[in-house]
Protein backbone atom coordinates (compact mmCIF):
# COMPACT_ATOMS: atom_id res chain seq x y z
CA MET A 1 97.38 128.21 81.73
CA PRO A 2 99.54 125.55 83.50
CA ALA A 3 100.98 126.79 86.87
CA SER A 4 103.97 125.00 89.04
CA TYR A 5 104.08 126.50 92.50
CA THR A 6 107.10 125.56 95.02
CA GLY A 7 106.50 124.80 98.59
CA ALA A 8 107.10 127.98 99.96
CA GLU A 9 104.99 130.14 97.34
CA LYS A 10 102.16 127.32 98.34
CA ARG A 11 102.88 128.23 102.20
CA ARG A 12 102.76 131.78 101.23
CA MET A 13 99.67 131.83 99.30
CA ALA A 14 98.16 129.90 102.33
CA TRP A 15 99.13 132.72 104.94
CA LEU A 16 98.01 135.59 102.37
CA SER A 17 94.71 133.79 102.17
CA ALA A 18 94.10 133.55 105.77
CA ARG A 19 95.32 137.39 106.24
CA ALA A 20 92.68 138.14 103.31
CA PHE A 21 89.69 136.23 104.81
CA LYS A 22 90.25 138.04 108.35
CA GLN A 23 90.29 141.54 106.75
CA SER A 24 87.38 140.59 104.69
CA MET A 25 85.67 139.55 107.88
CA ALA A 26 86.52 142.38 110.13
CA GLY A 27 85.04 144.94 107.53
CA ASP A 28 81.75 146.10 106.01
CA PRO A 29 80.49 143.18 103.64
CA ASN A 30 79.53 145.53 101.04
CA VAL A 31 82.96 146.94 100.55
CA ASP A 32 86.19 145.38 99.61
CA THR A 33 88.55 145.52 102.76
CA ILE A 34 91.52 143.20 101.53
CA ASP A 35 94.78 145.11 101.46
CA ASP A 36 96.24 146.24 98.01
CA ARG A 37 99.80 144.76 98.98
CA ILE A 38 98.31 141.32 99.62
CA LYS A 39 96.63 141.23 96.28
CA ARG A 40 99.80 142.51 94.65
CA GLU A 41 101.67 139.53 96.12
CA VAL A 42 99.13 136.78 95.34
CA ASP A 43 99.06 138.18 91.76
CA ARG A 44 102.99 138.42 91.65
CA ILE A 45 103.40 134.58 92.98
CA GLN A 46 100.96 133.32 90.67
CA LYS A 47 102.40 134.99 87.55
CA ARG A 48 105.70 133.53 88.58
CA ALA A 49 104.35 129.94 88.84
CA GLU A 50 102.20 130.37 85.58
CA GLU A 51 106.03 131.45 83.98
CA ARG A 52 107.26 128.46 85.26
CA GLY A 53 104.79 125.98 84.29
CA ALA A 54 104.80 127.15 80.92
CA ALA A 55 108.63 126.70 80.73
CA GLU A 56 108.39 123.43 82.38
CA VAL A 57 105.35 122.01 79.67
CA LYS A 58 107.66 123.40 76.86
CA ALA A 59 110.50 121.44 78.05
CA LEU A 60 108.28 118.13 78.54
CA GLU A 61 107.31 119.07 74.82
CA GLN A 62 110.76 119.05 73.56
CA ARG A 63 112.08 115.87 75.63
CA LEU A 64 108.58 114.20 74.14
CA SER A 65 109.60 114.91 70.84
CA GLU A 66 113.37 113.46 71.28
CA ALA A 67 112.00 110.41 72.82
CA ARG A 68 109.57 110.20 69.86
CA ARG A 69 112.39 110.52 67.19
CA ALA A 70 114.63 108.16 68.97
CA ALA A 71 112.11 105.33 69.28
CA ALA A 72 111.68 106.02 65.52
CA GLY A 73 115.25 105.78 64.82
CA ALA A 74 115.48 102.56 66.74
CA LYS A 75 112.66 100.70 65.22
CA ALA A 76 114.22 101.46 61.45
CA THR A 77 117.49 99.91 62.88
CA MET A 78 115.30 96.94 64.18
CA ARG A 79 113.75 96.65 61.00
CA THR A 80 116.52 96.65 58.97
CA SER A 81 118.81 94.61 61.22
CA LYS A 82 119.16 90.59 62.10
CA GLY A 83 120.19 88.55 64.93
CA PRO A 84 121.59 90.29 67.88
CA GLU A 85 121.58 93.63 66.54
CA ARG A 86 118.01 93.34 66.02
CA VAL A 87 117.21 92.46 69.51
CA LYS A 88 119.25 95.44 71.00
CA ALA A 89 117.39 97.73 68.96
CA ARG A 90 114.11 96.46 69.66
CA ARG A 91 115.00 96.74 73.42
CA GLU A 92 115.89 100.13 72.67
CA MET A 93 112.75 100.94 70.85
CA HIS A 94 110.66 99.68 73.85
CA GLU A 95 112.74 101.82 75.97
CA HIS A 96 112.09 105.07 74.24
CA GLU A 97 108.40 104.21 73.84
CA GLN A 98 108.23 103.85 77.54
CA ALA A 99 110.07 107.27 78.27
CA ALA A 100 107.49 108.60 75.73
CA ARG A 101 104.52 107.50 77.40
CA ARG A 102 106.10 108.62 81.25
CA ILE A 103 106.60 112.25 79.66
CA GLU A 104 102.91 111.94 78.13
CA ARG A 105 101.73 111.19 81.57
CA GLU A 106 103.45 114.18 83.33
CA LEU A 107 102.31 116.56 80.43
CA ARG A 108 98.87 115.51 81.24
CA ARG A 109 98.98 116.79 84.80
CA TYR A 110 99.71 120.33 83.15
CA GLN A 111 96.20 120.21 81.53
């Protein structure tokens, strides 16, 4: 599942990891000595980040389909027109295709 952590969440996770490490080193190696509150907070942060990441992926996929539809419309306009209107439609098509490629690159980040 894709996750999207904020800066504050990353810092908090690092601090919680350090506390968990310290607790695990202080106790018996054969027993789980990490405080349950730390585990719950880590789980809560991870759940929130996964929900945020899923929402971001959904929004990016929606924008990608919009960009592709706009590129297809501009391509149809380009093929059915002449002169300056054709040049304008070609430029618009290239812009929409470029936007779609940018969105695709961003989506690959979540995989």
